[in-house]
All heavy atoms as atom14 arrays in JSON, in Angstrom:
{
  "sequence": "TAFGPLIELIGTKSTYAFAIAFWSVAAMSHALAQSLFGWGAARVALG",
  "atom14_mask": [
    [1, 1, 1, 1, 1, 1, 1, 0, 0, 0, 0, 0, 0, 0],
    [1, 1, 1, 1, 1, 0, 0, 0, 0, 0, 0, 0, 0, 0],
    [1, 1, 1, 1, 1, 1, 1, 1, 1, 1, 1, 0, 0, 0],
    [1, 1, 1, 1, 0, 0, 0, 0, 0, 0, 0, 0, 0, 0],
    [1, 1, 1, 1, 1, 1, 1, 0, 0, 0, 0, 0, 0, 0],
    [1, 1, 1, 1, 1, 1, 1, 1, 0, 0, 0, 0, 0, 0],
    [1, 1, 1, 1, 1, 1, 1, 1, 0, 0, 0, 0, 0, 0],
    [1, 1, 1, 1, 1, 1, 1, 1, 1, 0, 0, 0, 0, 0],
    [1, 1, 1, 1, 1, 1, 1, 1, 0, 0, 0, 0, 0, 0],
    [1, 1, 1, 1, 1, 1, 1, 1, 0, 0, 0, 0, 0, 0],
    [1, 1, 1, 1, 0, 0, 0, 0, 0, 0, 0, 0, 0, 0],
    [1, 1, 1, 1, 1, 1, 1, 0, 0, 0, 0, 0, 0, 0],
    [1, 1, 1, 1, 1, 1, 1, 1, 1, 0, 0, 0, 0, 0],
    [1, 1, 1, 1, 1, 1, 0, 0, 0, 0, 0, 0, 0, 0],
    [1, 1, 1, 1, 1, 1, 1, 0, 0, 0, 0, 0, 0, 0],
    [1, 1, 1, 1, 1, 1, 1, 1, 1, 1, 1, 1, 0, 0],
    [1, 1, 1, 1, 1, 0, 0, 0, 0, 0, 0, 0, 0, 0],
    [1, 1, 1, 1, 1, 1, 1, 1, 1, 1, 1, 0, 0, 0],
    [1, 1, 1, 1, 1, 0, 0, 0, 0, 0, 0, 0, 0, 0],
    [1, 1, 1, 1, 1, 1, 1, 1, 0, 0, 0, 0, 0, 0],
    [1, 1, 1, 1, 1, 0, 0, 0, 0, 0, 0, 0, 0, 0],
    [1, 1, 1, 1, 1, 1, 1, 1, 1, 1, 1, 0, 0, 0],
    [1, 1, 1, 1, 1, 1, 1, 1, 1, 1, 1, 1, 1, 1],
    [1, 1, 1, 1, 1, 1, 0, 0, 0, 0, 0, 0, 0, 0],
    [1, 1, 1, 1, 1, 1, 1, 0, 0, 0, 0, 0, 0, 0],
    [1, 1, 1, 1, 1, 0, 0, 0, 0, 0, 0, 0, 0, 0],
    [1, 1, 1, 1, 1, 0, 0, 0, 0, 0, 0, 0, 0, 0],
    [1, 1, 1, 1, 1, 1, 1, 1, 0, 0, 0, 0, 0, 0],
    [1, 1, 1, 1, 1, 1, 0, 0, 0, 0, 0, 0, 0, 0],
    [1, 1, 1, 1, 1, 1, 1, 1, 1, 1, 0, 0, 0, 0],
    [1, 1, 1, 1, 1, 0, 0, 0, 0, 0, 0, 0, 0, 0],
    [1, 1, 1, 1, 1, 1, 1, 1, 0, 0, 0, 0, 0, 0],
    [1, 1, 1, 1, 1, 0, 0, 0, 0, 0, 0, 0, 0, 0],
    [1, 1, 1, 1, 1, 1, 1, 1, 1, 0, 0, 0, 0, 0],
    [1, 1, 1, 1, 1, 1, 0, 0, 0, 0, 0, 0, 0, 0],
    [1, 1, 1, 1, 1, 1, 1, 1, 0, 0, 0, 0, 0, 0],
    [1, 1, 1, 1, 1, 1, 1, 1, 1, 1, 1, 0, 0, 0],
    [1, 1, 1, 1, 0, 0, 0, 0, 0, 0, 0, 0, 0, 0],
    [1, 1, 1, 1, 1, 1, 1, 1, 1, 1, 1, 1, 1, 1],
    [1, 1, 1, 1, 0, 0, 0, 0, 0, 0, 0, 0, 0, 0],
    [1, 1, 1, 1, 1, 0, 0, 0, 0, 0, 0, 0, 0, 0],
    [1, 1, 1, 1, 1, 0, 0, 0, 0, 0, 0, 0, 0, 0],
    [1, 1, 1, 1, 1, 1, 1, 1, 1, 1, 1, 0, 0, 0],
    [1, 1, 1, 1, 1, 1, 1, 0, 0, 0, 0, 0, 0, 0],
    [1, 1, 1, 1, 1, 0, 0, 0, 0, 0, 0, 0, 0, 0],
    [1, 1, 1, 1, 1, 1, 1, 1, 0, 0, 0, 0, 0, 0],
    [1, 1, 1, 1, 0, 0, 0, 0, 0, 0, 0, 0, 0, 0]
  ],
  "atom14_positions": [
    [[9.99, -7.21, 8.12], [9.0, -7.19, 7.04], [8.54, -5.77, 6.72], [8.13, -5.5, 5.6], [7.77, -8.05, 7.4], [7.15, -7.51, 8.56], [8.16, -9.49, 7.65], [0.0, 0.0, 0.0], [0.0, 0.0, 0.0], [0.0, 0.0, 0.0], [0.0, 0.0, 0.0], [0.0, 0.0, 0.0], [0.0, 0.0, 0.0], [0.0, 0.0, 0.0]],
    [[8.62, -4.87, 7.67], [8.16, -3.5, 7.46], [9.19, -2.63, 6.74], [8.81, -1.67, 6.06], [7.78, -2.86, 8.79], [0.0, 0.0, 0.0], [0.0, 0.0, 0.0], [0.0, 0.0, 0.0], [0.0, 0.0, 0.0], [0.0, 0.0, 0.0], [0.0, 0.0, 0.0], [0.0, 0.0, 0.0], [0.0, 0.0, 0.0], [0.0, 0.0, 0.0]],
    [[10.47, -2.94, 6.9], [11.48, -2.06, 6.33], [11.57, -2.13, 4.81], [11.93, -1.14, 4.17], [12.84, -2.28, 6.98], [13.09, -1.36, 8.14], [12.87, -1.8, 9.44], [13.5, -0.06, 7.95], [13.07, -0.95, 10.52], [13.7, 0.8, 9.02], [13.48, 0.35, 10.3], [0.0, 0.0, 0.0], [0.0, 0.0, 0.0], [0.0, 0.0, 0.0]],
    [[11.26, -3.27, 4.22], [11.3, -3.36, 2.75], [10.4, -2.33, 2.1], [10.86, -1.53, 1.26], [0.0, 0.0, 0.0], [0.0, 0.0, 0.0], [0.0, 0.0, 0.0], [0.0, 0.0, 0.0], [0.0, 0.0, 0.0], [0.0, 0.0, 0.0], [0.0, 0.0, 0.0], [0.0, 0.0, 0.0], [0.0, 0.0, 0.0], [0.0, 0.0, 0.0]],
    [[9.12, -2.32, 2.44], [8.23, -1.3, 1.86], [8.65, 0.13, 2.22], [8.48, 1.04, 1.4], [6.86, -1.64, 2.46], [6.94, -3.08, 2.83], [8.37, -3.32, 3.22], [0.0, 0.0, 0.0], [0.0, 0.0, 0.0], [0.0, 0.0, 0.0], [0.0, 0.0, 0.0], [0.0, 0.0, 0.0], [0.0, 0.0, 0.0], [0.0, 0.0, 0.0]],
    [[9.18, 0.33, 3.42], [9.62, 1.67, 3.81], [10.77, 2.14, 2.93], [10.81, 3.31, 2.51], [10.03, 1.69, 5.28], [10.35, 3.07, 5.87], [9.15, 3.99, 5.79], [10.81, 2.92, 7.32], [0.0, 0.0, 0.0], [0.0, 0.0, 0.0], [0.0, 0.0, 0.0], [0.0, 0.0, 0.0], [0.0, 0.0, 0.0], [0.0, 0.0, 0.0]],
    [[11.69, 1.26, 2.61], [12.8, 1.59, 1.71], [12.26, 2.04, 0.36], [12.71, 3.04, -0.2], [13.77, 0.4, 1.54], [14.49, 0.1, 2.86], [14.78, 0.66, 0.42], [15.21, -1.25, 2.88], [0.0, 0.0, 0.0], [0.0, 0.0, 0.0], [0.0, 0.0, 0.0], [0.0, 0.0, 0.0], [0.0, 0.0, 0.0], [0.0, 0.0, 0.0]],
    [[11.29, 1.29, -0.15], [10.72, 1.64, -1.46], [9.95, 2.95, -1.41], [9.91, 3.68, -2.38], [9.81, 0.5, -1.96], [10.53, -0.83, -2.14], [11.76, -0.76, -3.04], [11.74, -0.01, -4.05], [12.75, -1.45, -2.73], [0.0, 0.0, 0.0], [0.0, 0.0, 0.0], [0.0, 0.0, 0.0], [0.0, 0.0, 0.0], [0.0, 0.0, 0.0]],
    [[9.37, 3.26, -0.26], [8.56, 4.47, -0.12], [9.41, 5.72, 0.04], [9.18, 6.73, -0.65], [7.63, 4.32, 1.1], [6.67, 5.47, 1.36], [5.64, 5.56, 0.24], [5.97, 5.26, 2.7], [0.0, 0.0, 0.0], [0.0, 0.0, 0.0], [0.0, 0.0, 0.0], [0.0, 0.0, 0.0], [0.0, 0.0, 0.0], [0.0, 0.0, 0.0]],
    [[10.42, 5.71, 0.94], [11.17, 6.94, 1.21], [12.63, 6.89, 0.77], [13.34, 7.87, 0.91], [11.09, 7.33, 2.7], [11.8, 6.33, 3.61], [9.65, 7.52, 3.14], [11.91, 6.78, 5.06], [0.0, 0.0, 0.0], [0.0, 0.0, 0.0], [0.0, 0.0, 0.0], [0.0, 0.0, 0.0], [0.0, 0.0, 0.0], [0.0, 0.0, 0.0]],
    [[13.07, 5.75, 0.27], [14.44, 5.66, -0.24], [15.39, 5.01, 0.76], [15.14, 5.01, 1.97], [0.0, 0.0, 0.0], [0.0, 0.0, 0.0], [0.0, 0.0, 0.0], [0.0, 0.0, 0.0], [0.0, 0.0, 0.0], [0.0, 0.0, 0.0], [0.0, 0.0, 0.0], [0.0, 0.0, 0.0], [0.0, 0.0, 0.0], [0.0, 0.0, 0.0]],
    [[16.46, 4.49, 0.22], [17.43, 3.74, 1.03], [18.14, 4.62, 2.04], [18.23, 4.29, 3.22], [18.46, 3.07, 0.11], [17.77, 2.34, -0.91], [19.35, 2.12, 0.89], [0.0, 0.0, 0.0], [0.0, 0.0, 0.0], [0.0, 0.0, 0.0], [0.0, 0.0, 0.0], [0.0, 0.0, 0.0], [0.0, 0.0, 0.0], [0.0, 0.0, 0.0]],
    [[18.65, 5.76, 1.59], [19.42, 6.63, 2.49], [18.56, 7.15, 3.64], [18.98, 7.11, 4.8], [20.02, 7.79, 1.69], [21.0, 8.61, 2.49], [21.74, 9.72, 1.74], [21.32, 10.07, 0.39], [22.01, 11.23, -0.19], [0.0, 0.0, 0.0], [0.0, 0.0, 0.0], [0.0, 0.0, 0.0], [0.0, 0.0, 0.0], [0.0, 0.0, 0.0]],
    [[17.37, 7.6, 3.35], [16.48, 8.11, 4.4], [16.06, 7.0, 5.36], [16.0, 7.21, 6.58], [15.24, 8.74, 3.78], [15.6, 9.87, 3.01], [0.0, 0.0, 0.0], [0.0, 0.0, 0.0], [0.0, 0.0, 0.0], [0.0, 0.0, 0.0], [0.0, 0.0, 0.0], [0.0, 0.0, 0.0], [0.0, 0.0, 0.0], [0.0, 0.0, 0.0]],
    [[15.79, 5.82, 4.81], [15.38, 4.71, 5.66], [16.52, 4.28, 6.58], [16.3, 4.03, 7.77], [14.92, 3.52, 4.8], [13.85, 3.93, 3.96], [14.45, 2.36, 5.68], [0.0, 0.0, 0.0], [0.0, 0.0, 0.0], [0.0, 0.0, 0.0], [0.0, 0.0, 0.0], [0.0, 0.0, 0.0], [0.0, 0.0, 0.0], [0.0, 0.0, 0.0]],
    [[17.73, 4.22, 6.05], [18.87, 3.8, 6.87], [19.16, 4.84, 7.96], [19.41, 4.49, 9.12], [20.11, 3.58, 6.01], [21.03, 2.49, 6.53], [20.72, 1.7, 7.62], [22.23, 2.25, 5.89], [21.56, 0.71, 8.07], [23.09, 1.26, 6.33], [22.75, 0.48, 7.42], [23.59, -0.49, 7.85], [0.0, 0.0, 0.0], [0.0, 0.0, 0.0]],
    [[19.09, 6.1, 7.6], [19.29, 7.16, 8.6], [18.22, 7.07, 9.68], [18.53, 7.18, 10.88], [19.26, 8.53, 7.93], [0.0, 0.0, 0.0], [0.0, 0.0, 0.0], [0.0, 0.0, 0.0], [0.0, 0.0, 0.0], [0.0, 0.0, 0.0], [0.0, 0.0, 0.0], [0.0, 0.0, 0.0], [0.0, 0.0, 0.0], [0.0, 0.0, 0.0]],
    [[16.98, 6.84, 9.29], [15.9, 6.69, 10.26], [16.14, 5.48, 11.17], [16.02, 5.58, 12.39], [14.55, 6.54, 9.53], [13.43, 6.12, 10.43], [12.84, 7.03, 11.29], [12.98, 4.8, 10.42], [11.81, 6.64, 12.13], [11.95, 4.41, 11.26], [11.36, 5.32, 12.12], [0.0, 0.0, 0.0], [0.0, 0.0, 0.0], [0.0, 0.0, 0.0]],
    [[16.52, 4.35, 10.58], [16.75, 3.13, 11.37], [17.86, 3.34, 12.38], [17.72, 2.98, 13.56], [17.06, 1.96, 10.44], [0.0, 0.0, 0.0], [0.0, 0.0, 0.0], [0.0, 0.0, 0.0], [0.0, 0.0, 0.0], [0.0, 0.0, 0.0], [0.0, 0.0, 0.0], [0.0, 0.0, 0.0], [0.0, 0.0, 0.0], [0.0, 0.0, 0.0]],
    [[18.96, 3.92, 11.95], [20.1, 4.13, 12.85], [19.74, 5.11, 13.97], [20.04, 4.87, 15.14], [21.35, 4.6, 12.07], [21.87, 3.44, 11.2], [22.43, 5.09, 13.02], [22.96, 3.84, 10.22], [0.0, 0.0, 0.0], [0.0, 0.0, 0.0], [0.0, 0.0, 0.0], [0.0, 0.0, 0.0], [0.0, 0.0, 0.0], [0.0, 0.0, 0.0]],
    [[19.07, 6.19, 13.62], [18.65, 7.16, 14.65], [17.67, 6.51, 15.62], [17.78, 6.67, 16.84], [18.03, 8.39, 13.99], [0.0, 0.0, 0.0], [0.0, 0.0, 0.0], [0.0, 0.0, 0.0], [0.0, 0.0, 0.0], [0.0, 0.0, 0.0], [0.0, 0.0, 0.0], [0.0, 0.0, 0.0], [0.0, 0.0, 0.0], [0.0, 0.0, 0.0]],
    [[16.73, 5.74, 15.09], [15.72, 5.1, 15.93], [16.35, 4.08, 16.88], [16.07, 4.07, 18.07], [14.66, 4.42, 15.05], [13.43, 4.0, 15.79], [12.38, 4.87, 15.95], [13.33, 2.72, 16.33], [11.24, 4.49, 16.65], [12.21, 2.33, 17.03], [11.14, 3.21, 17.19], [0.0, 0.0, 0.0], [0.0, 0.0, 0.0], [0.0, 0.0, 0.0]],
    [[17.25, 3.23, 16.35], [17.84, 2.22, 17.24], [18.79, 2.86, 18.23], [18.96, 2.36, 19.34], [18.41, 1.04, 16.49], [19.86, 0.98, 16.14], [20.94, 1.11, 16.98], [20.42, 0.7, 14.86], [22.11, 0.95, 16.29], [21.82, 0.69, 15.0], [19.88, 0.44, 13.61], [22.68, 0.44, 13.93], [20.73, 0.19, 12.56], [22.11, 0.2, 12.72]],
    [[19.4, 3.98, 17.89], [20.28, 4.68, 18.84], [19.48, 5.25, 20.0], [19.87, 5.1, 21.16], [21.04, 5.79, 18.13], [21.89, 5.25, 17.14], [0.0, 0.0, 0.0], [0.0, 0.0, 0.0], [0.0, 0.0, 0.0], [0.0, 0.0, 0.0], [0.0, 0.0, 0.0], [0.0, 0.0, 0.0], [0.0, 0.0, 0.0], [0.0, 0.0, 0.0]],
    [[18.36, 5.89, 19.7], [17.5, 6.42, 20.77], [16.92, 5.27, 21.59], [16.85, 5.34, 22.82], [16.39, 7.32, 20.18], [15.35, 7.7, 21.23], [17.0, 8.57, 19.55], [0.0, 0.0, 0.0], [0.0, 0.0, 0.0], [0.0, 0.0, 0.0], [0.0, 0.0, 0.0], [0.0, 0.0, 0.0], [0.0, 0.0, 0.0], [0.0, 0.0, 0.0]],
    [[16.55, 4.19, 20.91], [16.01, 3.02, 21.62], [17.05, 2.44, 22.57], [16.72, 2.06, 23.7], [15.54, 1.98, 20.62], [0.0, 0.0, 0.0], [0.0, 0.0, 0.0], [0.0, 0.0, 0.0], [0.0, 0.0, 0.0], [0.0, 0.0, 0.0], [0.0, 0.0, 0.0], [0.0, 0.0, 0.0], [0.0, 0.0, 0.0], [0.0, 0.0, 0.0]],
    [[18.29, 2.37, 22.13], [19.35, 1.85, 23.0], [19.52, 2.74, 24.23], [19.66, 2.24, 25.35], [20.66, 1.74, 22.23], [0.0, 0.0, 0.0], [0.0, 0.0, 0.0], [0.0, 0.0, 0.0], [0.0, 0.0, 0.0], [0.0, 0.0, 0.0], [0.0, 0.0, 0.0], [0.0, 0.0, 0.0], [0.0, 0.0, 0.0], [0.0, 0.0, 0.0]],
    [[19.47, 4.03, 24.03], [19.59, 4.96, 25.16], [18.38, 4.89, 26.09], [18.51, 5.12, 27.29], [19.79, 6.39, 24.65], [21.14, 6.61, 23.99], [21.39, 8.32, 23.48], [20.42, 8.41, 21.99], [0.0, 0.0, 0.0], [0.0, 0.0, 0.0], [0.0, 0.0, 0.0], [0.0, 0.0, 0.0], [0.0, 0.0, 0.0], [0.0, 0.0, 0.0]],
    [[17.22, 4.54, 25.54], [16.0, 4.52, 26.35], [16.04, 3.45, 27.44], [15.28, 3.54, 28.41], [14.76, 4.3, 25.46], [14.67, 2.96, 25.03], [0.0, 0.0, 0.0], [0.0, 0.0, 0.0], [0.0, 0.0, 0.0], [0.0, 0.0, 0.0], [0.0, 0.0, 0.0], [0.0, 0.0, 0.0], [0.0, 0.0, 0.0], [0.0, 0.0, 0.0]],
    [[16.92, 2.49, 27.32], [17.04, 1.46, 28.37], [17.41, 2.09, 29.72], [17.05, 1.57, 30.77], [18.08, 0.41, 27.98], [17.63, -0.5, 26.88], [17.52, -0.08, 25.58], [17.27, -1.79, 26.9], [17.1, -1.09, 24.83], [16.94, -2.15, 25.62], [0.0, 0.0, 0.0], [0.0, 0.0, 0.0], [0.0, 0.0, 0.0], [0.0, 0.0, 0.0]],
    [[18.12, 3.19, 29.69], [18.53, 3.86, 30.93], [17.32, 4.42, 31.69], [17.41, 4.66, 32.89], [19.52, 4.98, 30.64], [0.0, 0.0, 0.0], [0.0, 0.0, 0.0], [0.0, 0.0, 0.0], [0.0, 0.0, 0.0], [0.0, 0.0, 0.0], [0.0, 0.0, 0.0], [0.0, 0.0, 0.0], [0.0, 0.0, 0.0], [0.0, 0.0, 0.0]],
    [[16.2, 4.6, 31.0], [14.99, 5.11, 31.64], [14.11, 4.0, 32.21], [13.2, 4.27, 32.99], [14.17, 5.93, 30.64], [14.89, 7.11, 29.98], [14.01, 7.73, 28.9], [15.29, 8.14, 31.02], [0.0, 0.0, 0.0], [0.0, 0.0, 0.0], [0.0, 0.0, 0.0], [0.0, 0.0, 0.0], [0.0, 0.0, 0.0], [0.0, 0.0, 0.0]],
    [[14.38, 2.77, 31.81], [13.53, 1.65, 32.22], [13.66, 1.37, 33.71], [14.75, 1.25, 34.24], [13.9, 0.41, 31.42], [0.0, 0.0, 0.0], [0.0, 0.0, 0.0], [0.0, 0.0, 0.0], [0.0, 0.0, 0.0], [0.0, 0.0, 0.0], [0.0, 0.0, 0.0], [0.0, 0.0, 0.0], [0.0, 0.0, 0.0], [0.0, 0.0, 0.0]],
    [[12.52, 1.29, 34.37], [12.48, 1.0, 35.8], [11.66, -0.25, 36.12], [11.65, -0.69, 37.26], [11.88, 2.2, 36.56], [12.69, 3.47, 36.42], [14.08, 3.35, 37.04], [14.23, 2.77, 38.11], [15.08, 3.86, 36.36], [0.0, 0.0, 0.0], [0.0, 0.0, 0.0], [0.0, 0.0, 0.0], [0.0, 0.0, 0.0], [0.0, 0.0, 0.0]],
    [[10.95, -0.77, 35.13], [10.06, -1.9, 35.36], [10.21, -2.9, 34.22], [10.85, -2.61, 33.2], [8.61, -1.43, 35.42], [8.23, -0.91, 34.16], [0.0, 0.0, 0.0], [0.0, 0.0, 0.0], [0.0, 0.0, 0.0], [0.0, 0.0, 0.0], [0.0, 0.0, 0.0], [0.0, 0.0, 0.0], [0.0, 0.0, 0.0], [0.0, 0.0, 0.0]],
    [[9.58, -4.05, 34.39], [9.58, -5.05, 33.32], [8.94, -4.47, 32.07], [9.44, -4.67, 30.96], [8.84, -6.31, 33.8], [8.88, -7.51, 32.86], [10.3, -8.01, 32.69], [7.98, -8.61, 33.39], [0.0, 0.0, 0.0], [0.0, 0.0, 0.0], [0.0, 0.0, 0.0], [0.0, 0.0, 0.0], [0.0, 0.0, 0.0], [0.0, 0.0, 0.0]],
    [[7.84, -3.73, 32.25], [7.18, -3.09, 31.11], [8.12, -2.11, 30.41], [8.2, -2.07, 29.19], [5.9, -2.37, 31.54], [5.22, -1.67, 30.41], [4.41, -2.37, 29.53], [5.42, -0.31, 30.2], [3.79, -1.72, 28.46], [4.81, 0.34, 29.14], [3.99, -0.37, 28.27], [0.0, 0.0, 0.0], [0.0, 0.0, 0.0], [0.0, 0.0, 0.0]],
    [[8.83, -1.3, 31.19], [9.78, -0.33, 30.62], [10.88, -1.01, 29.82], [11.24, -0.56, 28.74], [0.0, 0.0, 0.0], [0.0, 0.0, 0.0], [0.0, 0.0, 0.0], [0.0, 0.0, 0.0], [0.0, 0.0, 0.0], [0.0, 0.0, 0.0], [0.0, 0.0, 0.0], [0.0, 0.0, 0.0], [0.0, 0.0, 0.0], [0.0, 0.0, 0.0]],
    [[11.41, -2.09, 30.39], [12.45, -2.84, 29.67], [11.88, -3.48, 28.41], [12.52, -3.48, 27.36], [13.08, -3.89, 30.58], [14.16, -3.31, 31.41], [14.03, -2.76, 32.66], [15.52, -3.18, 31.05], [15.25, -2.31, 33.09], [16.18, -2.56, 32.12], [16.26, -3.53, 29.93], [17.54, -2.28, 32.09], [17.61, -3.25, 29.9], [18.23, -2.63, 30.97]],
    [[10.66, -4.02, 28.51], [10.03, -4.6, 27.33], [9.82, -3.58, 26.24], [10.09, -3.83, 25.06], [0.0, 0.0, 0.0], [0.0, 0.0, 0.0], [0.0, 0.0, 0.0], [0.0, 0.0, 0.0], [0.0, 0.0, 0.0], [0.0, 0.0, 0.0], [0.0, 0.0, 0.0], [0.0, 0.0, 0.0], [0.0, 0.0, 0.0], [0.0, 0.0, 0.0]],
    [[9.38, -2.39, 26.62], [9.16, -1.32, 25.64], [10.47, -0.89, 24.99], [10.53, -0.68, 23.77], [8.47, -0.13, 26.32], [0.0, 0.0, 0.0], [0.0, 0.0, 0.0], [0.0, 0.0, 0.0], [0.0, 0.0, 0.0], [0.0, 0.0, 0.0], [0.0, 0.0, 0.0], [0.0, 0.0, 0.0], [0.0, 0.0, 0.0], [0.0, 0.0, 0.0]],
    [[11.53, -0.77, 25.79], [12.83, -0.4, 25.24], [13.34, -1.47, 24.28], [13.91, -1.15, 23.23], [13.84, -0.18, 26.37], [0.0, 0.0, 0.0], [0.0, 0.0, 0.0], [0.0, 0.0, 0.0], [0.0, 0.0, 0.0], [0.0, 0.0, 0.0], [0.0, 0.0, 0.0], [0.0, 0.0, 0.0], [0.0, 0.0, 0.0], [0.0, 0.0, 0.0]],
    [[13.11, -2.74, 24.61], [13.55, -3.83, 23.74], [12.72, -3.89, 22.46], [13.25, -4.2, 21.39], [13.5, -5.17, 24.47], [14.44, -5.28, 25.65], [15.87, -4.93, 25.33], [16.54, -5.99, 24.6], [17.81, -5.94, 24.22], [18.55, -4.89, 24.5], [18.34, -6.92, 23.54], [0.0, 0.0, 0.0], [0.0, 0.0, 0.0], [0.0, 0.0, 0.0]],
    [[11.42, -3.59, 22.54], [10.6, -3.53, 21.33], [11.14, -2.43, 20.41], [11.32, -2.64, 19.21], [9.11, -3.28, 21.68], [8.32, -2.84, 20.45], [8.49, -4.53, 22.28], [0.0, 0.0, 0.0], [0.0, 0.0, 0.0], [0.0, 0.0, 0.0], [0.0, 0.0, 0.0], [0.0, 0.0, 0.0], [0.0, 0.0, 0.0], [0.0, 0.0, 0.0]],
    [[11.4, -1.27, 20.97], [11.93, -0.17, 20.17], [13.27, -0.54, 19.55], [13.51, -0.27, 18.36], [12.05, 1.09, 21.02], [0.0, 0.0, 0.0], [0.0, 0.0, 0.0], [0.0, 0.0, 0.0], [0.0, 0.0, 0.0], [0.0, 0.0, 0.0], [0.0, 0.0, 0.0], [0.0, 0.0, 0.0], [0.0, 0.0, 0.0], [0.0, 0.0, 0.0]],
    [[14.15, -1.17, 20.33], [15.45, -1.56, 19.79], [15.28, -2.59, 18.68], [15.94, -2.48, 17.63], [16.33, -2.12, 20.91], [17.78, -2.4, 20.52], [18.52, -1.11, 20.17], [18.5, -3.14, 21.65], [0.0, 0.0, 0.0], [0.0, 0.0, 0.0], [0.0, 0.0, 0.0], [0.0, 0.0, 0.0], [0.0, 0.0, 0.0], [0.0, 0.0, 0.0]],
    [[14.41, -3.55, 18.87], [14.17, -4.55, 17.84], [13.64, -3.95, 16.55], [14.06, -4.3, 15.45], [0.0, 0.0, 0.0], [0.0, 0.0, 0.0], [0.0, 0.0, 0.0], [0.0, 0.0, 0.0], [0.0, 0.0, 0.0], [0.0, 0.0, 0.0], [0.0, 0.0, 0.0], [0.0, 0.0, 0.0], [0.0, 0.0, 0.0], [0.0, 0.0, 0.0]]
  ]
}
C-alpha cells in the first residue's frame, strides 16, 4: 500500500531502484540475525 504513493512522489525508476537496493540489503541483513527479534527485523525489512 505504501509503494503506490511513493511511485507517484519520486517516480517509477527511483522507486524501483530504491526497492531493489532495500530488499538486497535486507536479504543480506539475515546474516547478522542472532535472535528471534533479529530474524523478525530482517524479515520485516525484506517484506
